[in-house]
Protein backbone atom coordinates (compact mmCIF):
# COMPACT_ATOMS: atom_id res chain seq x y z
CA UNK A 1 -174.72 110.83 236.76
CA UNK A 2 -177.37 112.78 238.62
CA UNK A 3 -181.15 112.59 238.71
CA UNK A 4 -181.45 115.73 236.58
CA UNK A 5 -179.60 113.95 233.77
CA UNK A 6 -182.53 111.53 233.47
CA UNK A 7 -185.03 114.30 232.74
CA UNK A 8 -183.80 114.62 229.16
CA UNK A 9 -184.93 111.08 228.41
CA UNK A 10 -188.36 110.41 226.93
CA UNK A 11 -190.53 107.55 225.67
CA UNK A 12 -189.08 104.07 226.15
CA UNK A 13 -185.79 105.56 227.38
CA UNK A 14 -187.69 107.23 230.23
CA UNK A 15 -189.36 103.93 231.15
CA UNK A 16 -185.98 102.19 231.29
CA UNK A 17 -184.49 105.02 233.36
CA UNK A 18 -187.29 104.94 235.91
CA UNK A 19 -187.27 101.16 236.21
CA UNK A 20 -183.48 100.92 236.44
CA UNK A 21 -182.85 103.74 238.91
CA UNK A 22 -186.10 103.61 240.87
CA UNK A 23 -186.50 107.35 240.32
CA UNK A 24 -189.89 108.61 239.17
CA UNK A 25 -190.09 111.82 237.14
CA UNK A 26 -191.39 113.62 240.24
CA UNK A 27 -188.35 112.49 242.23
CA UNK A 28 -186.05 113.61 239.44
CA UNK A 29 -187.60 117.07 239.66
CA UNK A 30 -187.57 117.22 243.46
CA UNK A 31 -184.03 115.92 243.90
CA UNK A 32 -182.16 116.93 240.72
CA UNK A 33 -178.71 116.76 242.38
CA UNK A 34 -179.23 113.23 243.69
CA UNK A 35 -176.33 111.06 242.59
CA UNK A 36 -177.08 107.80 240.79
CA UNK A 37 -174.89 104.98 242.18
CA UNK A 38 -172.15 104.05 239.71
CA UNK A 39 -173.28 100.44 239.24
CA UNK A 40 -176.86 101.61 238.56
CA UNK A 41 -175.64 104.23 236.10
CA UNK A 42 -173.61 101.59 234.25
CA UNK A 43 -176.62 99.27 234.05
CA UNK A 44 -178.76 102.12 232.74
CA UNK A 45 -176.22 102.95 230.03
CA UNK A 46 -176.09 99.28 229.03
CA UNK A 47 -179.87 99.06 228.77
CA UNK A 48 -180.16 102.29 226.80
CA UNK A 49 -177.56 100.97 224.36
CA UNK A 50 -179.52 97.73 223.94
CA UNK A 51 -182.65 99.76 223.18
CA UNK A 52 -180.78 101.80 220.59
CA UNK A 53 -179.60 98.54 218.99
CA UNK A 54 -183.19 97.36 218.58
CA UNK A 55 -183.69 95.02 221.52
CA UNK A 56 -187.36 95.19 222.58
CA UNK A 57 -188.11 97.21 225.71
CA UNK A 58 -189.91 94.25 227.28
CA UNK A 59 -186.88 91.99 226.91
CA UNK A 60 -184.61 94.65 228.40
CA UNK A 61 -186.84 95.03 231.46
CA UNK A 62 -187.43 91.27 231.69
CA UNK A 63 -191.15 91.62 232.22
CA UNK A 64 -194.34 93.19 230.87
CA UNK A 65 -197.79 93.68 232.31
CA UNK A 66 -201.02 92.19 231.04
CA UNK A 67 -204.38 93.08 232.62
CA UNK A 68 -202.75 94.28 235.82
CA UNK A 69 -200.34 91.38 236.34
CA UNK A 70 -196.61 91.24 235.72
CA UNK A 71 -195.33 88.47 233.45
CA UNK A 72 -191.66 87.67 233.03
CA UNK A 73 -190.53 87.66 229.39
CA UNK A 74 -187.30 87.40 227.46
CA UNK A 75 -185.74 86.13 224.25
CA UNK A 76 -187.64 83.11 223.00
CA UNK A 77 -191.14 84.10 224.11
CA UNK A 78 -193.77 86.28 222.47
CA UNK A 79 -194.22 89.69 224.11
CA UNK A 80 -197.67 90.19 225.73
CA UNK A 81 -199.86 92.64 223.83
CA UNK A 82 -203.04 94.46 224.76
CA UNK A 83 -204.75 93.03 221.66
CA UNK A 84 -205.04 89.70 223.47
CA UNK A 85 -207.48 91.25 225.96
CA UNK A 86 -210.15 90.84 223.26
CA UNK A 87 -209.65 87.06 223.28
CA UNK A 88 -209.64 86.94 227.09
CA UNK A 89 -212.92 88.88 227.22
CA UNK A 90 -214.68 86.41 224.90
CA UNK A 91 -213.23 83.43 226.76
CA UNK A 92 -214.43 84.75 230.11
CA UNK A 93 -217.90 85.31 228.71
CA UNK A 94 -218.02 81.73 227.41
CA UNK A 95 -216.90 80.28 230.76
CA UNK A 96 -218.91 82.34 233.21
CA UNK A 97 -221.48 80.40 235.18
CA UNK A 98 -219.95 77.03 234.37
CA UNK A 99 -219.24 75.21 237.59
CA UNK A 100 -215.85 73.46 237.70
CA UNK A 101 -215.05 74.59 234.14
CA UNK A 102 -211.76 73.43 232.65
CA UNK A 103 -209.96 75.12 229.75
CA UNK A 104 -206.85 74.70 227.62
CA UNK A 105 -204.66 77.46 226.22
CA UNK A 106 -202.76 76.32 223.13
CA UNK A 107 -199.41 77.86 222.22
CA UNK A 108 -199.47 79.61 225.58
CA UNK A 109 -196.16 81.49 225.37
CA UNK A 110 -195.64 83.46 228.58
CA UNK A 111 -198.97 82.20 229.92
CA UNK A 112 -200.95 85.44 229.90
CA UNK A 113 -204.20 83.85 228.68
CA UNK A 114 -204.04 80.79 230.91
CA UNK A 115 -203.05 82.68 234.06
CA UNK A 116 -205.63 85.43 233.52
CA UNK A 117 -208.52 83.01 232.96
CA UNK A 118 -207.55 80.83 235.91
CA UNK A 119 -207.03 83.69 238.36
CA UNK A 120 -209.95 85.90 237.30
CA UNK A 121 -212.47 83.05 237.18
CA UNK A 122 -211.01 80.81 239.90
CA UNK A 123 -210.88 77.77 237.61
CA UNK A 124 -208.38 75.13 236.52
CA UNK A 125 -206.77 74.96 233.13
CA UNK A 126 -204.01 73.56 230.96
CA UNK A 127 -201.42 75.48 228.97
CA UNK A 128 -199.50 73.85 226.12
CA UNK A 129 -196.27 75.28 224.72
CA UNK A 130 -193.87 73.62 222.27
CA UNK A 131 -190.85 75.91 222.67
CA UNK A 132 -188.66 74.97 225.61
CA UNK A 133 -187.51 78.58 225.98
CA UNK A 134 -191.07 79.87 226.14
CA UNK A 135 -192.14 76.99 228.37
CA UNK A 136 -189.74 78.15 231.08
CA UNK A 137 -191.53 81.51 231.20
CA UNK A 138 -194.95 79.85 231.08
CA UNK A 139 -194.13 77.56 234.01
CA UNK A 140 -192.56 80.34 236.08
CA UNK A 141 -195.32 82.88 235.48
CA UNK A 142 -198.24 80.56 236.23
CA UNK A 143 -196.46 79.25 239.31
CA UNK A 144 -195.44 82.66 240.66
CA UNK A 145 -198.90 84.11 240.12
CA UNK A 146 -200.57 81.15 241.82
CA UNK A 147 -202.69 80.17 238.82
CA UNK A 148 -204.33 76.75 238.79
CA UNK A 149 -202.67 75.86 235.50
CA UNK A 150 -201.00 72.63 234.45
CA UNK A 151 -198.23 73.54 232.01
CA UNK A 152 -197.56 70.99 229.25
CA UNK A 153 -194.36 71.14 227.19
CA UNK A 154 -195.07 69.76 223.75
CA UNK A 155 -196.70 70.19 220.35
CA UNK A 156 -200.38 71.05 220.78
CA UNK A 157 -201.23 68.44 218.12
CA UNK A 158 -199.18 65.62 219.64
CA UNK A 159 -200.45 62.82 221.84
CA UNK A 160 -198.09 64.10 224.54
CA UNK A 161 -200.45 67.04 224.92
CA UNK A 162 -203.77 65.71 223.66
CA UNK A 163 -203.51 62.59 225.79
CA UNK A 164 -203.20 64.65 228.97
CA UNK A 165 -206.23 66.84 228.38
CA UNK A 166 -209.67 66.01 229.83
CA UNK A 167 -212.92 67.03 228.08
CA UNK A 168 -212.77 70.82 227.91
CA UNK A 169 -215.26 73.63 228.39
CA UNK A 170 -213.07 75.97 226.39
CA UNK A 171 -210.08 75.85 224.08
CA UNK A 172 -208.37 79.22 223.64
CA UNK A 173 -205.46 80.09 221.41
CA UNK A 174 -203.51 83.03 220.11
CA UNK A 175 -201.71 81.00 217.43
CA UNK A 176 -199.08 82.16 214.94
CA UNK A 177 -201.08 83.98 212.26
CA UNK A 178 -198.75 86.23 210.27
CA UNK A 179 -198.69 85.45 206.55
CA UNK A 180 -195.60 84.88 204.41
CA UNK A 181 -195.98 88.31 202.79
CA UNK A 182 -196.50 90.04 206.14
CA UNK A 183 -193.38 88.40 207.59
CA UNK A 184 -191.32 90.26 204.97
CA UNK A 185 -192.69 93.60 206.16
CA UNK A 186 -192.38 93.16 209.93
CA UNK A 187 -190.55 95.76 211.98
CA UNK A 188 -187.04 94.69 212.94
CA UNK A 189 -187.99 94.83 216.64
CA UNK A 190 -190.82 92.35 216.10
CA UNK A 191 -188.43 90.03 214.30
CA UNK A 192 -186.47 89.81 217.57
CA UNK A 193 -189.38 87.73 218.85
CA UNK A 194 -189.50 83.98 218.05
CA UNK A 195 -190.61 83.56 214.44
CA UNK A 196 -192.26 80.23 215.22
CA UNK A 197 -194.68 82.21 217.39
CA UNK A 198 -195.44 84.58 214.51
CA UNK A 199 -195.54 82.72 211.18
CA UNK A 200 -198.84 80.98 210.47
CA UNK A 201 -198.17 79.61 206.98
CA UNK A 202 -198.52 81.23 203.59
CA UNK A 203 -202.00 82.56 204.31
CA UNK A 204 -201.57 82.72 208.09
CA UNK A 205 -204.34 80.17 208.70
CA UNK A 206 -202.45 76.90 209.17
CA UNK A 207 -202.93 76.68 212.94
CA UNK A 208 -206.61 77.66 212.80
CA UNK A 209 -207.33 74.87 210.33
CA UNK A 210 -205.60 72.24 212.43
CA UNK A 211 -206.94 73.38 215.80
CA UNK A 212 -210.54 73.42 214.53
CA UNK A 213 -210.14 69.89 213.19
CA UNK A 214 -208.12 68.28 215.99
CA UNK A 215 -209.75 69.90 219.02
CA UNK A 216 -213.41 69.67 218.05
CA UNK A 217 -213.58 66.26 219.73
CA UNK A 218 -211.88 67.53 222.89
CA UNK A 219 -214.52 70.17 223.54
CA UNK A 220 -217.66 69.31 225.51
CA UNK A 221 -221.13 69.83 224.04
CA UNK A 222 -221.92 73.47 224.74
CA UNK A 223 -218.22 74.22 225.09
CA UNK A 224 -216.38 76.87 223.11
CA UNK A 225 -213.38 77.55 220.91
CA UNK A 226 -211.85 81.04 221.08
CA UNK A 227 -209.14 82.54 218.87
CA UNK A 228 -207.17 85.73 218.52
CA UNK A 229 -206.94 86.56 214.79
CA UNK A 230 -204.95 88.81 212.48
CA UNK A 231 -206.44 92.12 211.41
CA UNK A 232 -207.75 90.76 208.08
CA UNK A 233 -208.54 87.21 209.16
CA UNK A 234 -211.84 87.33 211.08
CA UNK A 235 -214.05 86.23 208.17
CA UNK A 236 -211.71 83.46 207.00
CA UNK A 237 -211.28 82.03 210.52
CA UNK A 238 -215.04 82.21 211.13
CA UNK A 239 -215.59 80.09 208.01
CA UNK A 240 -213.08 77.52 209.24
CA UNK A 241 -214.89 77.33 212.58
CA UNK A 242 -218.25 76.85 210.85
CA UNK A 243 -216.84 74.17 208.56
CA UNK A 244 -215.56 72.26 211.60
CA UNK A 245 -219.04 72.24 213.15
CA UNK A 246 -218.90 75.21 215.51
CA UNK A 247 -221.87 77.56 215.72
CA UNK A 248 -223.06 80.85 217.23
CA UNK A 249 -219.87 82.75 216.43
CA UNK A 250 -219.19 85.90 218.46
CA UNK A 251 -216.49 88.45 217.89
CA UNK A 252 -214.65 91.09 219.89
CA UNK A 253 -212.80 94.16 218.64
CA UNK A 254 -209.52 95.34 220.14
CA UNK A 255 -208.84 98.86 221.44
CA UNK A 256 -208.18 100.03 217.87
CA UNK A 257 -211.54 98.79 216.61
CA UNK A 258 -210.06 95.82 214.75
CA UNK A 259 -211.96 92.51 214.78
CA UNK A 260 -209.40 90.76 216.93
CA UNK A 261 -211.04 87.70 218.53
CA UNK A 262 -213.66 85.07 217.70
CA UNK A 263 -215.50 82.58 219.88
CA UNK A 264 -217.76 79.77 218.64
CA UNK A 265 -219.69 76.97 220.37
CA UNK A 266 -220.08 73.25 219.89
């Protein structure tokens, strides 16, 4: 296999080729006769086959970027998505100017929310994750990035987690929010991701209801609760927040103009 053979690849195949061989498109054009080492060529063929079989690109590479940082991912953990930047933006706004602020990220997955808030704002936080598979990525990512995050392995509603949390300035969560009907229509690639990180009950609101109720008492006066929400859920989740006693609800749209995140104050 030579560099020129890689030029025929496009889209996700091109990304895999560049990451696997270390050849950029410019290098492929400049050095078309450059031989690809046999072991690298074999790895590339293996990865391209996995992509063809429906394995997500992010799992094949073993990482994905979120807001300029690389997070390790793999089977058993939700893939980082740009949509979550809307939640991070609202959370940052709620925390700015608060000296020694402390936050908690519930259902943290790979740790993108917790690590980003800690590193960008220079504050301490907690990240709770129930899945042992996902927790390994959470622990590794926050540690490798140098985030001031205490990772907690356990159910966000259990005393194992709640009992270890101090009074909080912010609770953030991108909980499972896909409805029963939506689960039936998901792309096969998405179904490769852990379903416990996707399914939010028949109406997709189970976790919002419980978080609003259980965590109200954990949040300081003047503190905030911030959620990522499904594309049709903003109004319903806002009502749940109001019913729990939260006020002054703000929202943030994602890059596609969808109402993707909500933040309310105690």
